[in-house]
Amino acid sequence: MIAISSYLPEVMLLSDRLLVSRQGRIVEEFNSLEATEEKIMYASIH
């Protein structure tokens, strides 16, 4: 299943793996154990 959302707590609860995209490209990949809101937000803007 693919879920697209900007509500990070919901995404983190539903996901085993998270991909962060920026400007149409995947810039970071996290598994659910290593993902934090801070890491996801950093990847989305840098």
PDB file of N, CA and C in Angstrom:
ATOM      1  N   MET A   1       0.836  -1.158   0.000  1.00  0.00           N
ATOM      2  CA  MET A   1       0.000   0.000   0.000  1.00  0.00           C
ATOM      3  C   MET A   1       0.889   1.230   0.000  1.00  0.00           C
ATOM      4  N   ILE A   2       0.489   2.230  -0.714  1.00  0.00           N
ATOM      5  CA  ILE A   2       1.188   3.509  -0.725  1.00  0.00           C
ATOM      6  C   ILE A   2       0.286   4.530  -0.049  1.00  0.00           C
ATOM      7  N   ALA A   3       0.835   5.204   0.944  1.00  0.00           N
ATOM      8  CA  ALA A   3       0.100   6.274   1.628  1.00  0.00           C
ATOM      9  C   ALA A   3       0.899   7.557   1.483  1.00  0.00           C
ATOM     10  N   ILE A   4       0.236   8.596   1.029  1.00  0.00           N
ATOM     11  CA  ILE A   4       0.882   9.890   0.879  1.00  0.00           C
ATOM     12  C   ILE A   4       0.203  10.844   1.849  1.00  0.00           C
ATOM     13  N   SER A   5       1.006  11.403   2.732  1.00  0.00           N
ATOM     14  CA  SER A   5       0.452  12.285   3.753  1.00  0.00           C
ATOM     15  C   SER A   5       1.531  13.196   4.285  1.00  0.00           C
ATOM     16  N   SER A   6       1.134  14.346   4.778  1.00  0.00           N
ATOM     17  CA  SER A   6       2.072  15.232   5.456  1.00  0.00           C
ATOM     18  C   SER A   6       1.892  15.147   6.975  1.00  0.00           C
ATOM     19  N   TYR A   7       0.982  14.295   7.435  1.00  0.00           N
ATOM     20  CA  TYR A   7       0.752  14.106   8.862  1.00  0.00           C
ATOM     21  C   TYR A   7       1.663  12.975   9.353  1.00  0.00           C
ATOM     22  N   LEU A   8       2.835  13.337   9.832  1.00  0.00           N
ATOM     23  CA  LEU A   8       3.878  12.353  10.127  1.00  0.00           C
ATOM     24  C   LEU A   8       3.506  11.304  11.165  1.00  0.00           C
ATOM     25  N   PRO A   9       2.841  11.632  12.264  1.00  0.00           N
ATOM     26  CA  PRO A   9       2.503  10.567  13.221  1.00  0.00           C
ATOM     27  C   PRO A   9       1.688   9.437  12.589  1.00  0.00           C
ATOM     28  N   GLU A  10       0.732   9.793  11.730  1.00  0.00           N
ATOM     29  CA  GLU A  10      -0.081   8.786  11.051  1.00  0.00           C
ATOM     30  C   GLU A  10       0.770   7.938  10.106  1.00  0.00           C
ATOM     31  N   VAL A  11       1.612   8.590   9.335  1.00  0.00           N
ATOM     32  CA  VAL A  11       2.479   7.882   8.392  1.00  0.00           C
ATOM     33  C   VAL A  11       3.406   6.923   9.143  1.00  0.00           C
ATOM     34  N   MET A  12       3.967   7.374  10.230  1.00  0.00           N
ATOM     35  CA  MET A  12       4.903   6.542  10.982  1.00  0.00           C
ATOM     36  C   MET A  12       4.215   5.333  11.613  1.00  0.00           C
ATOM     37  N   LEU A  13       2.963   5.470  12.008  1.00  0.00           N
ATOM     38  CA  LEU A  13       2.218   4.344  12.570  1.00  0.00           C
ATOM     39  C   LEU A  13       1.865   3.293  11.522  1.00  0.00           C
ATOM     40  N   LEU A  14       1.596   3.737  10.306  1.00  0.00           N
ATOM     41  CA  LEU A  14       1.147   2.838   9.249  1.00  0.00           C
ATOM     42  C   LEU A  14       2.276   2.152   8.491  1.00  0.00           C
ATOM     43  N   SER A  15       3.487   2.670   8.593  1.00  0.00           N
ATOM     44  CA  SER A  15       4.544   2.278   7.664  1.00  0.00           C
ATOM     45  C   SER A  15       5.576   1.328   8.240  1.00  0.00           C
ATOM     46  N   ASP A  16       6.056   0.448   7.370  1.00  0.00           N
ATOM     47  CA  ASP A  16       7.237  -0.369   7.653  1.00  0.00           C
ATOM     48  C   ASP A  16       8.472   0.287   7.041  1.00  0.00           C
ATOM     49  N   ARG A  17       8.227   1.047   5.976  1.00  0.00           N
ATOM     50  CA  ARG A  17       9.299   1.734   5.258  1.00  0.00           C
ATOM     51  C   ARG A  17       8.772   3.078   4.798  1.00  0.00           C
ATOM     52  N   LEU A  18       9.598   4.116   4.921  1.00  0.00           N
ATOM     53  CA  LEU A  18       9.194   5.461   4.518  1.00  0.00           C
ATOM     54  C   LEU A  18      10.163   5.991   3.480  1.00  0.00           C
ATOM     55  N   LEU A  19       9.612   6.540   2.415  1.00  0.00           N
ATOM     56  CA  LEU A  19      10.417   7.177   1.377  1.00  0.00           C
ATOM     57  C   LEU A  19      10.085   8.661   1.376  1.00  0.00           C
ATOM     58  N   VAL A  20      11.110   9.477   1.374  1.00  0.00           N
ATOM     59  CA  VAL A  20      10.926  10.929   1.358  1.00  0.00           C
ATOM     60  C   VAL A  20      11.241  11.421  -0.047  1.00  0.00           C
ATOM     61  N   SER A  21      10.296  12.145  -0.632  1.00  0.00           N
ATOM     62  CA  SER A  21      10.547  12.694  -1.967  1.00  0.00           C
ATOM     63  C   SER A  21      10.601  14.218  -1.895  1.00  0.00           C
ATOM     64  N   ARG A  22      11.420  14.760  -2.768  1.00  0.00           N
ATOM     65  CA  ARG A  22      11.567  16.211  -2.879  1.00  0.00           C
ATOM     66  C   ARG A  22      11.771  16.523  -4.344  1.00  0.00           C
ATOM     67  N   GLN A  23      10.986  17.444  -4.861  1.00  0.00           N
ATOM     68  CA  GLN A  23      11.056  17.859  -6.254  1.00  0.00           C
ATOM     69  C   GLN A  23      10.976  16.670  -7.208  1.00  0.00           C
ATOM     70  N   GLY A  24      10.082  15.732  -6.896  1.00  0.00           N
ATOM     71  CA  GLY A  24       9.838  14.593  -7.770  1.00  0.00           C
ATOM     72  C   GLY A  24      10.838  13.466  -7.684  1.00  0.00           C
ATOM     73  N   ARG A  25      11.787  13.539  -6.759  1.00  0.00           N
ATOM     74  CA  ARG A  25      12.797  12.486  -6.612  1.00  0.00           C
ATOM     75  C   ARG A  25      12.790  11.943  -5.191  1.00  0.00           C
ATOM     76  N   ILE A  26      13.036  10.653  -5.065  1.00  0.00           N
ATOM     77  CA  ILE A  26      13.185  10.056  -3.737  1.00  0.00           C
ATOM     78  C   ILE A  26      14.567  10.417  -3.223  1.00  0.00           C
ATOM     79  N   VAL A  27      14.602  11.096  -2.072  1.00  0.00           N
ATOM     80  CA  VAL A  27      15.869  11.590  -1.541  1.00  0.00           C
ATOM     81  C   VAL A  27      16.335  10.837  -0.304  1.00  0.00           C
ATOM     82  N   GLU A  28      15.433  10.070   0.323  1.00  0.00           N
ATOM     83  CA  GLU A  28      15.814   9.334   1.531  1.00  0.00           C
ATOM     84  C   GLU A  28      14.860   8.175   1.737  1.00  0.00           C
ATOM     85  N   GLU A  29      15.373   7.121   2.345  1.00  0.00           N
ATOM     86  CA  GLU A  29      14.560   5.953   2.679  1.00  0.00           C
ATOM     87  C   GLU A  29      14.866   5.567   4.117  1.00  0.00           C
ATOM     88  N   PHE A  30      13.823   5.307   4.893  1.00  0.00           N
ATOM     89  CA  PHE A  30      13.969   4.906   6.290  1.00  0.00           C
ATOM     90  C   PHE A  30      13.143   3.659   6.547  1.00  0.00           C
ATOM     91  N   ASN A  31      13.622   2.785   7.411  1.00  0.00           N
ATOM     92  CA  ASN A  31      12.743   1.732   7.898  1.00  0.00           C
ATOM     93  C   ASN A  31      12.046   2.276   9.145  1.00  0.00           C
ATOM     94  N   SER A  32      11.010   1.608   9.589  1.00  0.00           N
ATOM     95  CA  SER A  32      10.199   2.145  10.681  1.00  0.00           C
ATOM     96  C   SER A  32      10.970   2.252  11.995  1.00  0.00           C
ATOM     97  N   LEU A  33      12.006   1.450  12.170  1.00  0.00           N
ATOM     98  CA  LEU A  33      12.770   1.492  13.416  1.00  0.00           C
ATOM     99  C   LEU A  33      13.712   2.683  13.489  1.00  0.00           C
ATOM    100  N   GLU A  34      14.212   3.146  12.363  1.00  0.00           N
ATOM    101  CA  GLU A  34      15.167   4.256  12.367  1.00  0.00           C
ATOM    102  C   GLU A  34      14.526   5.614  12.093  1.00  0.00           C
ATOM    103  N   ALA A  35      13.289   5.623  11.647  1.00  0.00           N
ATOM    104  CA  ALA A  35      12.630   6.873  11.278  1.00  0.00           C
ATOM    105  C   ALA A  35      12.194   7.662  12.507  1.00  0.00           C
ATOM    106  N   THR A  36      12.503   8.936  12.483  1.00  0.00           N
ATOM    107  CA  THR A  36      11.982   9.874  13.482  1.00  0.00           C
ATOM    108  C   THR A  36      11.402  11.058  12.717  1.00  0.00           C
ATOM    109  N   GLU A  37      10.536  11.805  13.367  1.00  0.00           N
ATOM    110  CA  GLU A  37       9.974  12.979  12.708  1.00  0.00           C
ATOM    111  C   GLU A  37      11.074  13.952  12.319  1.00  0.00           C
ATOM    112  N   GLU A  38      12.090  14.086  13.158  1.00  0.00           N
ATOM    113  CA  GLU A  38      13.187  15.002  12.877  1.00  0.00           C
ATOM    114  C   GLU A  38      13.961  14.580  11.633  1.00  0.00           C
ATOM    115  N   LYS A  39      14.266  13.290  11.511  1.00  0.00           N
ATOM    116  CA  LYS A  39      14.998  12.797  10.337  1.00  0.00           C
ATOM    117  C   LYS A  39      14.191  12.976   9.055  1.00  0.00           C
ATOM    118  N   ILE A  40      12.901  12.708   9.146  1.00  0.00           N
ATOM    119  CA  ILE A  40      12.039  12.837   7.974  1.00  0.00           C
ATOM    120  C   ILE A  40      11.944  14.297   7.545  1.00  0.00           C
ATOM    121  N   MET A  41      11.736  15.190   8.489  1.00  0.00           N
ATOM    122  CA  MET A  41      11.653  16.610   8.161  1.00  0.00           C
ATOM    123  C   MET A  41      12.973  17.131   7.602  1.00  0.00           C
ATOM    124  N   TYR A  42      14.088  16.715   8.172  1.00  0.00           N
ATOM    125  CA  TYR A  42      15.394  17.146   7.661  1.00  0.00           C
ATOM    126  C   TYR A  42      15.571  16.700   6.214  1.00  0.00           C
ATOM    127  N   ALA A  43      15.215  15.432   5.939  1.00  0.00           N
ATOM    128  CA  ALA A  43      15.359  14.913   4.578  1.00  0.00           C
ATOM    129  C   ALA A  43      14.447  15.645   3.612  1.00  0.00           C
ATOM    130  N   SER A  44      13.312  16.088   4.076  1.00  0.00           N
ATOM    131  CA  SER A  44      12.361  16.743   3.170  1.00  0.00           C
ATOM    132  C   SER A  44      12.768  18.162   2.786  1.00  0.00           C
ATOM    133  N   ILE A  45      13.669  18.783   3.557  1.00  0.00           N
ATOM    134  CA  ILE A  45      14.050  20.163   3.233  1.00  0.00           C
ATOM    135  C   ILE A  45      15.514  20.328   2.853  1.00  0.00           C
ATOM    136  N   HIS A  46      16.337  19.293   3.018  1.00  0.00           N
ATOM    137  CA  HIS A  46      17.772  19.415   2.670  1.00  0.00           C
ATOM    138  C   HIS A  46      18.165  18.513   1.556  1.00  0.00           C
TER     139      HIS A  46
END
